[in-house]
Amino acid sequence: MSLTTSERKLATQAIHGNRTALSALIHTRSDYLYRTAYLYVGNQNDALDVIQEATTQAVMSVSKLRNPELFFTWFTRILIRQAQAIYMLRANEDVTANPLIAGVAQTNATTTTTDTHVDLLTALQQIKAEYRQALQLFYYQDLPIHEISSVLNLPESTIKTRLRRGRLALKNRLGGDYFD
């Protein structure tokens, strides 16, 4: 994630202990951070909790960050770890009880688009976490493969493999001709 000049300046100030700069920097990408957290936990309150916990961790360890340019990659890693922790606490829940899926279904249960979206979200929740994570970052957050590689601290080839296997797992869950 490339930083603008002003974001780079804020990141440098944050690394040197300026908490106001850290807060302003996080606020500049708050929509992106919220969407990322929401995709993992599927619930508004949990997503906000994830952001709050990630911010707390960032405040405590931002001085260890060496390259201001990598601030959002670093922060996204923290955010994802927090989101996964909350998700794992609810791993035994019924997938159809997922608030993300229920919320979409309640919005407009009569349209085919909504049904397709609910089916896709349900299938996404049922595949391996490593595939789901790569697919969410690639399709829902529009991150390129090299940035996903950086966020997850994995080689690009591993990300490509997870995307391919994730797509295949979704295809198998939904049925080969689901979108035909």
N, C-alpha and C. Protein backbone atom coordinates (compact mmCIF):
# COMPACT_ATOMS: atom_id res chain seq x y z
N MET A 1 0.83 -1.17 0.00
CA MET A 1 0.00 0.00 0.00
C MET A 1 0.88 1.24 0.00
N SER A 2 0.85 1.94 -1.07
CA SER A 2 1.67 3.14 -1.16
C SER A 2 1.09 4.25 -0.31
N LEU A 3 1.97 4.98 0.32
CA LEU A 3 1.55 6.10 1.15
C LEU A 3 1.67 7.39 0.37
N THR A 4 0.75 8.30 0.63
CA THR A 4 0.88 9.64 0.08
C THR A 4 1.99 10.35 0.85
N THR A 5 2.39 11.50 0.37
CA THR A 5 3.43 12.26 1.05
C THR A 5 3.01 12.62 2.47
N SER A 6 1.77 13.05 2.63
CA SER A 6 1.30 13.43 3.97
C SER A 6 1.21 12.20 4.89
N GLU A 7 0.80 11.05 4.34
CA GLU A 7 0.74 9.83 5.14
C GLU A 7 2.14 9.38 5.56
N ARG A 8 3.10 9.52 4.65
CA ARG A 8 4.48 9.16 4.97
C ARG A 8 5.01 10.04 6.10
N LYS A 9 4.67 11.32 6.05
CA LYS A 9 5.10 12.26 7.10
C LYS A 9 4.46 11.87 8.44
N LEU A 10 3.17 11.56 8.41
CA LEU A 10 2.48 11.13 9.63
C LEU A 10 3.07 9.83 10.18
N ALA A 11 3.39 8.91 9.28
CA ALA A 11 3.97 7.63 9.71
C ALA A 11 5.32 7.85 10.39
N THR A 12 6.11 8.73 9.83
CA THR A 12 7.41 9.04 10.43
C THR A 12 7.23 9.65 11.82
N GLN A 13 6.28 10.58 11.93
CA GLN A 13 6.01 11.20 13.23
C GLN A 13 5.50 10.17 14.23
N ALA A 14 4.64 9.27 13.77
CA ALA A 14 4.08 8.24 14.65
C ALA A 14 5.19 7.32 15.17
N ILE A 15 6.11 6.96 14.30
CA ILE A 15 7.23 6.10 14.70
C ILE A 15 8.07 6.77 15.77
N HIS A 16 8.14 8.09 15.71
CA HIS A 16 8.92 8.86 16.69
C HIS A 16 8.10 9.22 17.93
N GLY A 17 6.93 8.62 18.09
CA GLY A 17 6.18 8.77 19.33
C GLY A 17 5.01 9.73 19.32
N ASN A 18 4.68 10.31 18.19
CA ASN A 18 3.57 11.26 18.11
C ASN A 18 2.25 10.48 17.96
N ARG A 19 1.51 10.38 19.04
CA ARG A 19 0.26 9.61 19.02
C ARG A 19 -0.83 10.29 18.20
N THR A 20 -0.81 11.61 18.16
CA THR A 20 -1.78 12.34 17.34
C THR A 20 -1.57 12.00 15.87
N ALA A 21 -0.32 11.91 15.45
CA ALA A 21 -0.01 11.55 14.07
C ALA A 21 -0.46 10.12 13.78
N LEU A 22 -0.26 9.23 14.75
CA LEU A 22 -0.70 7.84 14.59
C LEU A 22 -2.21 7.78 14.41
N SER A 23 -2.92 8.50 15.24
CA SER A 23 -4.38 8.53 15.16
C SER A 23 -4.84 9.10 13.81
N ALA A 24 -4.22 10.18 13.38
CA ALA A 24 -4.58 10.79 12.10
C ALA A 24 -4.29 9.84 10.94
N LEU A 25 -3.18 9.14 11.03
CA LEU A 25 -2.80 8.20 9.98
C LEU A 25 -3.80 7.05 9.88
N ILE A 26 -4.18 6.50 11.00
CA ILE A 26 -5.17 5.42 11.01
C ILE A 26 -6.51 5.93 10.48
N HIS A 27 -6.85 7.15 10.84
CA HIS A 27 -8.12 7.74 10.39
C HIS A 27 -8.15 7.93 8.87
N THR A 28 -7.00 8.18 8.24
CA THR A 28 -6.99 8.39 6.79
C THR A 28 -7.46 7.16 6.02
N ARG A 29 -7.26 5.99 6.59
CA ARG A 29 -7.67 4.75 5.90
C ARG A 29 -8.69 3.97 6.72
N SER A 30 -9.48 4.69 7.50
CA SER A 30 -10.42 4.02 8.40
C SER A 30 -11.44 3.16 7.66
N ASP A 31 -11.90 3.60 6.49
CA ASP A 31 -12.86 2.80 5.72
C ASP A 31 -12.25 1.47 5.30
N TYR A 32 -11.04 1.52 4.79
CA TYR A 32 -10.34 0.30 4.38
C TYR A 32 -10.15 -0.63 5.58
N LEU A 33 -9.72 -0.09 6.70
CA LEU A 33 -9.47 -0.89 7.89
C LEU A 33 -10.77 -1.51 8.41
N TYR A 34 -11.85 -0.73 8.40
CA TYR A 34 -13.14 -1.25 8.85
C TYR A 34 -13.60 -2.39 7.95
N ARG A 35 -13.52 -2.18 6.63
CA ARG A 35 -13.94 -3.23 5.69
C ARG A 35 -13.14 -4.51 5.90
N THR A 36 -11.84 -4.36 6.11
CA THR A 36 -11.00 -5.53 6.33
C THR A 36 -11.43 -6.27 7.58
N ALA A 37 -11.61 -5.55 8.67
CA ALA A 37 -12.03 -6.18 9.93
C ALA A 37 -13.41 -6.81 9.78
N TYR A 38 -14.32 -6.11 9.12
CA TYR A 38 -15.69 -6.60 8.95
C TYR A 38 -15.71 -7.90 8.13
N LEU A 39 -14.87 -7.97 7.12
CA LEU A 39 -14.82 -9.19 6.31
C LEU A 39 -14.41 -10.41 7.13
N TYR A 40 -13.58 -10.19 8.11
CA TYR A 40 -13.13 -11.31 8.94
C TYR A 40 -14.14 -11.69 10.01
N VAL A 41 -14.76 -10.70 10.64
CA VAL A 41 -15.62 -11.01 11.78
C VAL A 41 -17.11 -10.96 11.45
N GLY A 42 -17.49 -10.26 10.37
CA GLY A 42 -18.86 -10.25 9.91
C GLY A 42 -19.85 -9.56 10.83
N ASN A 43 -19.38 -8.64 11.64
CA ASN A 43 -20.24 -8.00 12.62
C ASN A 43 -19.67 -6.62 12.91
N GLN A 44 -20.53 -5.61 12.91
CA GLN A 44 -20.08 -4.23 13.08
C GLN A 44 -19.37 -4.01 14.41
N ASN A 45 -19.96 -4.48 15.49
CA ASN A 45 -19.36 -4.27 16.81
C ASN A 45 -18.02 -4.98 16.94
N ASP A 46 -17.95 -6.21 16.46
CA ASP A 46 -16.69 -6.94 16.51
C ASP A 46 -15.63 -6.26 15.64
N ALA A 47 -16.04 -5.75 14.48
CA ALA A 47 -15.09 -5.07 13.60
C ALA A 47 -14.51 -3.83 14.29
N LEU A 48 -15.36 -3.09 14.96
CA LEU A 48 -14.88 -1.91 15.69
C LEU A 48 -13.97 -2.31 16.84
N ASP A 49 -14.29 -3.41 17.51
CA ASP A 49 -13.42 -3.92 18.58
C ASP A 49 -12.06 -4.33 18.02
N VAL A 50 -12.07 -4.96 16.86
CA VAL A 50 -10.82 -5.38 16.22
C VAL A 50 -9.96 -4.16 15.93
N ILE A 51 -10.57 -3.12 15.38
CA ILE A 51 -9.82 -1.89 15.07
C ILE A 51 -9.27 -1.27 16.34
N GLN A 52 -10.07 -1.25 17.38
CA GLN A 52 -9.62 -0.67 18.65
C GLN A 52 -8.43 -1.47 19.23
N GLU A 53 -8.54 -2.78 19.23
CA GLU A 53 -7.45 -3.61 19.74
C GLU A 53 -6.19 -3.48 18.89
N ALA A 54 -6.38 -3.44 17.58
CA ALA A 54 -5.23 -3.28 16.68
C ALA A 54 -4.56 -1.93 16.90
N THR A 55 -5.36 -0.90 17.11
CA THR A 55 -4.81 0.43 17.37
C THR A 55 -4.03 0.44 18.67
N THR A 56 -4.56 -0.20 19.69
CA THR A 56 -3.86 -0.28 20.98
C THR A 56 -2.52 -0.98 20.81
N GLN A 57 -2.51 -2.08 20.08
CA GLN A 57 -1.24 -2.79 19.83
C GLN A 57 -0.28 -1.93 19.03
N ALA A 58 -0.82 -1.18 18.06
CA ALA A 58 0.03 -0.31 17.24
C ALA A 58 0.67 0.78 18.08
N VAL A 59 -0.10 1.37 18.99
CA VAL A 59 0.44 2.42 19.86
C VAL A 59 1.62 1.87 20.66
N MET A 60 1.48 0.65 21.14
CA MET A 60 2.53 0.07 21.98
C MET A 60 3.78 -0.32 21.19
N SER A 61 3.63 -0.59 19.90
CA SER A 61 4.79 -1.12 19.18
C SER A 61 5.19 -0.34 17.92
N VAL A 62 4.58 0.80 17.66
CA VAL A 62 4.89 1.54 16.43
C VAL A 62 6.35 1.99 16.39
N SER A 63 6.96 2.20 17.52
CA SER A 63 8.36 2.65 17.54
C SER A 63 9.31 1.58 16.98
N LYS A 64 8.86 0.34 16.91
CA LYS A 64 9.68 -0.74 16.37
C LYS A 64 9.65 -0.80 14.85
N LEU A 65 8.69 -0.10 14.24
CA LEU A 65 8.56 -0.09 12.79
C LEU A 65 9.71 0.73 12.21
N ARG A 66 10.45 0.15 11.29
CA ARG A 66 11.64 0.83 10.75
C ARG A 66 11.36 1.63 9.50
N ASN A 67 10.44 1.15 8.68
CA ASN A 67 10.18 1.80 7.40
C ASN A 67 8.77 2.40 7.41
N PRO A 68 8.66 3.73 7.43
CA PRO A 68 7.33 4.36 7.45
C PRO A 68 6.46 3.96 6.26
N GLU A 69 7.10 3.65 5.14
CA GLU A 69 6.36 3.27 3.93
C GLU A 69 5.54 2.00 4.13
N LEU A 70 5.95 1.17 5.07
CA LEU A 70 5.27 -0.10 5.33
C LEU A 70 4.24 -0.02 6.44
N PHE A 71 3.87 1.18 6.85
CA PHE A 71 2.97 1.34 7.99
C PHE A 71 1.67 0.56 7.82
N PHE A 72 0.97 0.76 6.70
CA PHE A 72 -0.34 0.11 6.56
C PHE A 72 -0.23 -1.39 6.35
N THR A 73 0.84 -1.84 5.75
CA THR A 73 1.06 -3.28 5.65
C THR A 73 1.22 -3.86 7.05
N TRP A 74 2.02 -3.20 7.85
CA TRP A 74 2.26 -3.61 9.24
C TRP A 74 0.97 -3.55 10.05
N PHE A 75 0.22 -2.46 9.93
CA PHE A 75 -1.01 -2.31 10.70
C PHE A 75 -2.06 -3.33 10.24
N THR A 76 -2.12 -3.59 8.94
CA THR A 76 -3.08 -4.58 8.43
C THR A 76 -2.78 -5.96 8.99
N ARG A 77 -1.52 -6.30 9.14
CA ARG A 77 -1.15 -7.58 9.77
C ARG A 77 -1.70 -7.67 11.19
N ILE A 78 -1.50 -6.60 11.95
CA ILE A 78 -2.01 -6.57 13.32
C ILE A 78 -3.53 -6.72 13.31
N LEU A 79 -4.19 -5.99 12.42
CA LEU A 79 -5.64 -6.02 12.31
C LEU A 79 -6.13 -7.43 11.98
N ILE A 80 -5.49 -8.08 11.04
CA ILE A 80 -5.90 -9.43 10.64
C ILE A 80 -5.71 -10.42 11.78
N ARG A 81 -4.60 -10.30 12.50
CA ARG A 81 -4.39 -11.21 13.65
C ARG A 81 -5.48 -11.02 14.70
N GLN A 82 -5.86 -9.78 14.97
CA GLN A 82 -6.93 -9.52 15.93
C GLN A 82 -8.25 -10.08 15.42
N ALA A 83 -8.53 -9.86 14.15
CA ALA A 83 -9.78 -10.35 13.57
C ALA A 83 -9.83 -11.88 13.60
N GLN A 84 -8.72 -12.51 13.30
CA GLN A 84 -8.68 -13.98 13.34
C GLN A 84 -8.89 -14.50 14.75
N ALA A 85 -8.37 -13.81 15.72
CA ALA A 85 -8.56 -14.23 17.11
C ALA A 85 -10.05 -14.21 17.47
N ILE A 86 -10.74 -13.16 17.08
CA ILE A 86 -12.18 -13.08 17.36
C ILE A 86 -12.93 -14.13 16.54
N TYR A 87 -12.54 -14.30 15.28
CA TYR A 87 -13.20 -15.28 14.43
C TYR A 87 -13.05 -16.69 15.01
N MET A 88 -11.86 -17.01 15.49
CA MET A 88 -11.62 -18.34 16.06
C MET A 88 -12.46 -18.58 17.31
N LEU A 89 -12.75 -17.53 18.05
CA LEU A 89 -13.60 -17.68 19.23
C LEU A 89 -15.01 -18.11 18.82
N ARG A 90 -15.41 -17.69 17.62
CA ARG A 90 -16.75 -18.02 17.16
C ARG A 90 -16.74 -19.12 16.10
N ALA A 91 -15.65 -19.84 15.97
CA ALA A 91 -15.50 -20.85 14.91
C ALA A 91 -16.53 -21.96 14.99
N ASN A 92 -17.05 -22.24 16.16
CA ASN A 92 -18.01 -23.33 16.30
C ASN A 92 -19.44 -22.91 16.03
N GLU A 93 -19.65 -21.63 15.73
CA GLU A 93 -21.00 -21.17 15.43
C GLU A 93 -21.47 -21.74 14.09
N ASP A 94 -22.75 -21.82 13.94
CA ASP A 94 -23.35 -22.22 12.66
C ASP A 94 -23.07 -21.11 11.65
N VAL A 95 -22.63 -21.46 10.46
CA VAL A 95 -22.29 -20.48 9.44
C VAL A 95 -23.49 -19.61 9.09
N THR A 96 -24.68 -20.17 9.07
CA THR A 96 -25.85 -19.38 8.71
C THR A 96 -26.21 -18.39 9.80
N ALA A 97 -25.65 -18.55 11.00
CA ALA A 97 -25.88 -17.58 12.06
C ALA A 97 -24.89 -16.42 11.97
N ASN A 98 -23.98 -16.47 11.01
CA ASN A 98 -23.01 -15.40 10.81
C ASN A 98 -23.75 -14.10 10.51
N PRO A 99 -23.50 -13.04 11.28
CA PRO A 99 -24.21 -11.77 11.08
C PRO A 99 -23.99 -11.19 9.70
N LEU A 100 -22.83 -11.42 9.11
CA LEU A 100 -22.56 -10.92 7.77
C LEU A 100 -23.54 -11.53 6.78
N ILE A 101 -23.73 -12.82 6.88
CA ILE A 101 -24.64 -13.52 5.98
C ILE A 101 -26.08 -13.16 6.30
N ALA A 102 -26.43 -13.14 7.56
CA ALA A 102 -27.79 -12.80 7.97
C ALA A 102 -28.15 -11.39 7.55
N GLY A 103 -27.20 -10.46 7.68
CA GLY A 103 -27.45 -9.06 7.31
C GLY A 103 -27.73 -8.91 5.83
N VAL A 104 -26.97 -9.62 5.01
CA VAL A 104 -27.20 -9.57 3.58
C VAL A 104 -28.55 -10.16 3.24
N ALA A 105 -28.89 -11.26 3.88
CA ALA A 105 -30.16 -11.93 3.61
C ALA A 105 -31.34 -11.06 4.00
N GLN A 106 -31.23 -10.32 5.10
CA GLN A 106 -32.33 -9.48 5.54
C GLN A 106 -32.51 -8.26 4.66
N THR A 107 -31.45 -7.79 4.02
CA THR A 107 -31.52 -6.58 3.23
C THR A 107 -32.52 -6.72 2.09
N ASN A 108 -32.43 -7.81 1.34
CA ASN A 108 -33.34 -8.00 0.22
C ASN A 108 -33.33 -9.46 -0.18
N ALA A 109 -34.04 -10.25 0.54
CA ALA A 109 -33.99 -11.70 0.37
C ALA A 109 -34.64 -12.16 -0.93
N THR A 110 -35.33 -11.29 -1.65
CA THR A 110 -36.05 -11.73 -2.83
C THR A 110 -35.24 -11.66 -4.11
N THR A 111 -34.13 -10.96 -4.12
CA THR A 111 -33.38 -10.82 -5.37
C THR A 111 -32.37 -11.94 -5.55
N THR A 112 -32.14 -12.27 -6.79
CA THR A 112 -31.17 -13.30 -7.13
C THR A 112 -29.77 -12.86 -6.73
N THR A 113 -29.46 -11.58 -6.90
CA THR A 113 -28.14 -11.07 -6.54
C THR A 113 -27.87 -11.30 -5.07
N THR A 114 -28.83 -11.02 -4.24
CA THR A 114 -28.66 -11.21 -2.80
C THR A 114 -28.49 -12.68 -2.48
N ASP A 115 -29.28 -13.52 -3.10
CA ASP A 115 -29.15 -14.96 -2.87
C ASP A 115 -27.77 -15.45 -3.28
N THR A 116 -27.30 -14.98 -4.41
CA THR A 116 -25.97 -15.35 -4.88
C THR A 116 -24.91 -14.88 -3.89
N HIS A 117 -25.07 -13.65 -3.40
CA HIS A 117 -24.12 -13.09 -2.45
C HIS A 117 -24.12 -13.90 -1.15
N VAL A 118 -25.28 -14.26 -0.67
CA VAL A 118 -25.38 -15.06 0.56
C VAL A 118 -24.74 -16.43 0.34
N ASP A 119 -25.03 -17.05 -0.80
CA ASP A 119 -24.42 -18.35 -1.10
C ASP A 119 -22.90 -18.24 -1.14
N LEU A 120 -22.41 -17.18 -1.77
CA LEU A 120 -20.97 -16.98 -1.88
C LEU A 120 -20.35 -16.77 -0.50
N LEU A 121 -20.96 -15.93 0.33
CA LEU A 121 -20.43 -15.69 1.67
C LEU A 121 -20.47 -16.95 2.53
N THR A 122 -21.53 -17.72 2.39
CA THR A 122 -21.63 -18.97 3.14
C THR A 122 -20.52 -19.93 2.72
N ALA A 123 -20.34 -20.07 1.41
CA ALA A 123 -19.28 -20.95 0.90
C ALA A 123 -17.90 -20.44 1.33
N LEU A 124 -17.72 -19.14 1.31
CA LEU A 124 -16.44 -18.56 1.71
C LEU A 124 -16.13 -18.87 3.17
N GLN A 125 -17.14 -18.87 4.01
CA GLN A 125 -16.94 -19.17 5.43
C GLN A 125 -16.61 -20.65 5.65
N GLN A 126 -16.93 -21.49 4.68
CA GLN A 126 -16.74 -22.93 4.85
C GLN A 126 -15.41 -23.45 4.32
N ILE A 127 -14.67 -22.62 3.58
CA ILE A 127 -13.39 -23.10 3.06
C ILE A 127 -12.27 -22.82 4.07
N LYS A 128 -11.11 -23.40 3.84
CA LYS A 128 -9.97 -23.24 4.75
C LYS A 128 -9.67 -21.76 4.97
N ALA A 129 -9.29 -21.43 6.19
CA ALA A 129 -9.01 -20.04 6.56
C ALA A 129 -7.92 -19.43 5.69
N GLU A 130 -6.90 -20.19 5.35
CA GLU A 130 -5.80 -19.64 4.56
C GLU A 130 -6.27 -19.26 3.15
N TYR A 131 -7.20 -20.01 2.58
CA TYR A 131 -7.75 -19.68 1.28
C TYR A 131 -8.70 -18.49 1.39
N ARG A 132 -9.55 -18.52 2.41
CA ARG A 132 -10.50 -17.43 2.64
C ARG A 132 -9.76 -16.10 2.80
N GLN A 133 -8.69 -16.12 3.56
CA GLN A 133 -7.92 -14.90 3.82
C GLN A 133 -7.37 -14.32 2.52
N ALA A 134 -6.77 -15.16 1.70
CA ALA A 134 -6.21 -14.69 0.43
C ALA A 134 -7.31 -14.16 -0.49
N LEU A 135 -8.43 -14.87 -0.57
CA LEU A 135 -9.54 -14.43 -1.41
C LEU A 135 -10.13 -13.10 -0.93
N GLN A 136 -10.28 -12.94 0.37
CA GLN A 136 -10.84 -11.70 0.91
C GLN A 136 -9.93 -10.52 0.60
N LEU A 137 -8.65 -10.69 0.80
CA LEU A 137 -7.73 -9.58 0.54
C LEU A 137 -7.67 -9.25 -0.95
N PHE A 138 -7.74 -10.27 -1.79
CA PHE A 138 -7.64 -10.06 -3.23
C PHE A 138 -8.93 -9.48 -3.82
N TYR A 139 -10.07 -10.08 -3.50
CA TYR A 139 -11.32 -9.66 -4.12
C TYR A 139 -12.07 -8.56 -3.37
N TYR A 140 -12.09 -8.62 -2.06
CA TYR A 140 -12.86 -7.64 -1.29
C TYR A 140 -12.05 -6.38 -0.97
N GLN A 141 -10.73 -6.53 -0.83
CA GLN A 141 -9.90 -5.37 -0.52
C GLN A 141 -9.12 -4.88 -1.74
N ASP A 142 -9.22 -5.58 -2.85
CA ASP A 142 -8.55 -5.21 -4.09
C ASP A 142 -7.04 -5.05 -3.94
N LEU A 143 -6.43 -5.86 -3.10
CA LEU A 143 -4.98 -5.81 -2.94
C LEU A 143 -4.33 -6.66 -4.03
N PRO A 144 -3.26 -6.16 -4.63
CA PRO A 144 -2.53 -6.99 -5.60
C PRO A 144 -1.77 -8.10 -4.87
N ILE A 145 -1.37 -9.09 -5.61
CA ILE A 145 -0.72 -10.26 -5.02
C ILE A 145 0.53 -9.89 -4.23
N HIS A 146 1.33 -8.95 -4.75
CA HIS A 146 2.56 -8.60 -4.03
C HIS A 146 2.26 -7.95 -2.68
N GLU A 147 1.16 -7.20 -2.57
CA GLU A 147 0.81 -6.60 -1.28
C GLU A 147 0.24 -7.64 -0.32
N ILE A 148 -0.54 -8.58 -0.84
CA ILE A 148 -1.04 -9.66 0.01
C ILE A 148 0.15 -10.45 0.55
N SER A 149 1.12 -10.68 -0.31
CA SER A 149 2.34 -11.37 0.10
C SER A 149 3.03 -10.64 1.24
N SER A 150 3.08 -9.34 1.13
CA SER A 150 3.71 -8.53 2.17
C SER A 150 2.89 -8.53 3.46
N VAL A 151 1.58 -8.39 3.34
CA VAL A 151 0.71 -8.36 4.52
C VAL A 151 0.77 -9.68 5.28
N LEU A 152 0.73 -10.78 4.55
CA LEU A 152 0.71 -12.10 5.19
C LEU A 152 2.10 -12.67 5.43
N ASN A 153 3.11 -11.95 4.93
CA ASN A 153 4.49 -12.37 5.11
C ASN A 153 4.73 -13.77 4.52
N LEU A 154 4.23 -13.94 3.29
CA LEU A 154 4.36 -15.20 2.57
C LEU A 154 4.86 -14.91 1.16
N PRO A 155 5.51 -15.88 0.52
CA PRO A 155 5.95 -15.68 -0.87
C PRO A 155 4.75 -15.48 -1.81
N GLU A 156 4.98 -14.73 -2.89
CA GLU A 156 3.91 -14.50 -3.87
C GLU A 156 3.40 -15.81 -4.44
N SER A 157 4.27 -16.76 -4.64
CA SER A 157 3.85 -18.05 -5.19
C SER A 157 2.85 -18.75 -4.26
N THR A 158 3.04 -18.60 -2.96
CA THR A 158 2.11 -19.19 -1.99
C THR A 158 0.75 -18.49 -2.08
N ILE A 159 0.76 -17.18 -2.25
CA ILE A 159 -0.49 -16.43 -2.38
C ILE A 159 -1.23 -16.87 -3.64
N LYS A 160 -0.51 -17.00 -4.74
CA LYS A 160 -1.14 -17.44 -5.99
C LYS A 160 -1.75 -18.83 -5.83
N THR A 161 -1.03 -19.71 -5.15
CA THR A 161 -1.53 -21.06 -4.92
C THR A 161 -2.79 -21.03 -4.06
N ARG A 162 -2.77 -20.22 -3.00
CA ARG A 162 -3.94 -20.13 -2.13
C ARG A 162 -5.13 -19.54 -2.86
N LEU A 163 -4.90 -18.57 -3.73
CA LEU A 163 -6.00 -18.00 -4.51
C LEU A 163 -6.58 -19.06 -5.45
N ARG A 164 -5.72 -19.79 -6.13
CA ARG A 164 -6.19 -20.82 -7.06
C ARG A 164 -6.96 -21.91 -6.31
N ARG A 165 -6.39 -22.38 -5.21
CA ARG A 165 -7.06 -23.43 -4.43
C ARG A 165 -8.34 -22.91 -3.79
N GLY A 166 -8.34 -21.67 -3.37
CA GLY A 166 -9.54 -21.07 -2.79
C GLY A 166 -10.66 -20.97 -3.81
N ARG A 167 -10.31 -20.53 -5.03
CA ARG A 167 -11.32 -20.47 -6.10
C ARG A 167 -11.88 -21.86 -6.40
N LEU A 168 -10.99 -22.84 -6.44
CA LEU A 168 -11.41 -24.22 -6.69
C LEU A 168 -12.31 -24.72 -5.57
N ALA A 169 -11.96 -24.41 -4.33
CA ALA A 169 -12.78 -24.83 -3.18
C ALA A 169 -14.16 -24.18 -3.25
N LEU A 170 -14.21 -22.90 -3.62
CA LEU A 170 -15.51 -22.23 -3.77
C LEU A 170 -16.31 -22.87 -4.90
N LYS A 171 -15.64 -23.16 -5.99
CA LYS A 171 -16.33 -23.80 -7.12
C LYS A 171 -16.91 -25.14 -6.70
N ASN A 172 -16.16 -25.91 -5.94
CA ASN A 172 -16.65 -27.21 -5.46
C ASN A 172 -17.81 -27.05 -4.48
N ARG A 173 -17.74 -26.05 -3.61
CA ARG A 173 -18.81 -25.81 -2.64
C ARG A 173 -20.10 -25.36 -3.32
N LEU A 174 -19.93 -24.49 -4.31
CA LEU A 174 -21.10 -23.91 -4.96
C LEU A 174 -21.61 -24.76 -6.11
N GLY A 175 -20.80 -25.67 -6.58
CA GLY A 175 -21.17 -26.47 -7.75
C GLY A 175 -20.52 -25.86 -8.97
N GLY A 176 -20.00 -26.69 -9.82
CA GLY A 176 -19.24 -26.24 -10.98
C GLY A 176 -19.97 -25.28 -11.90
N ASP A 177 -21.28 -25.43 -12.04
CA ASP A 177 -22.04 -24.57 -12.95
C ASP A 177 -22.85 -23.51 -12.21
N TYR A 178 -22.45 -23.15 -11.02
CA TYR A 178 -23.21 -22.23 -10.17
C TYR A 178 -23.46 -20.89 -10.86
N PHE A 179 -22.45 -20.34 -11.53
CA PHE A 179 -22.58 -19.01 -12.12
C PHE A 179 -22.98 -19.06 -13.58
N ASP A 180 -23.27 -20.23 -14.11
CA ASP A 180 -23.67 -20.34 -15.52
C ASP A 180 -25.13 -20.04 -15.72
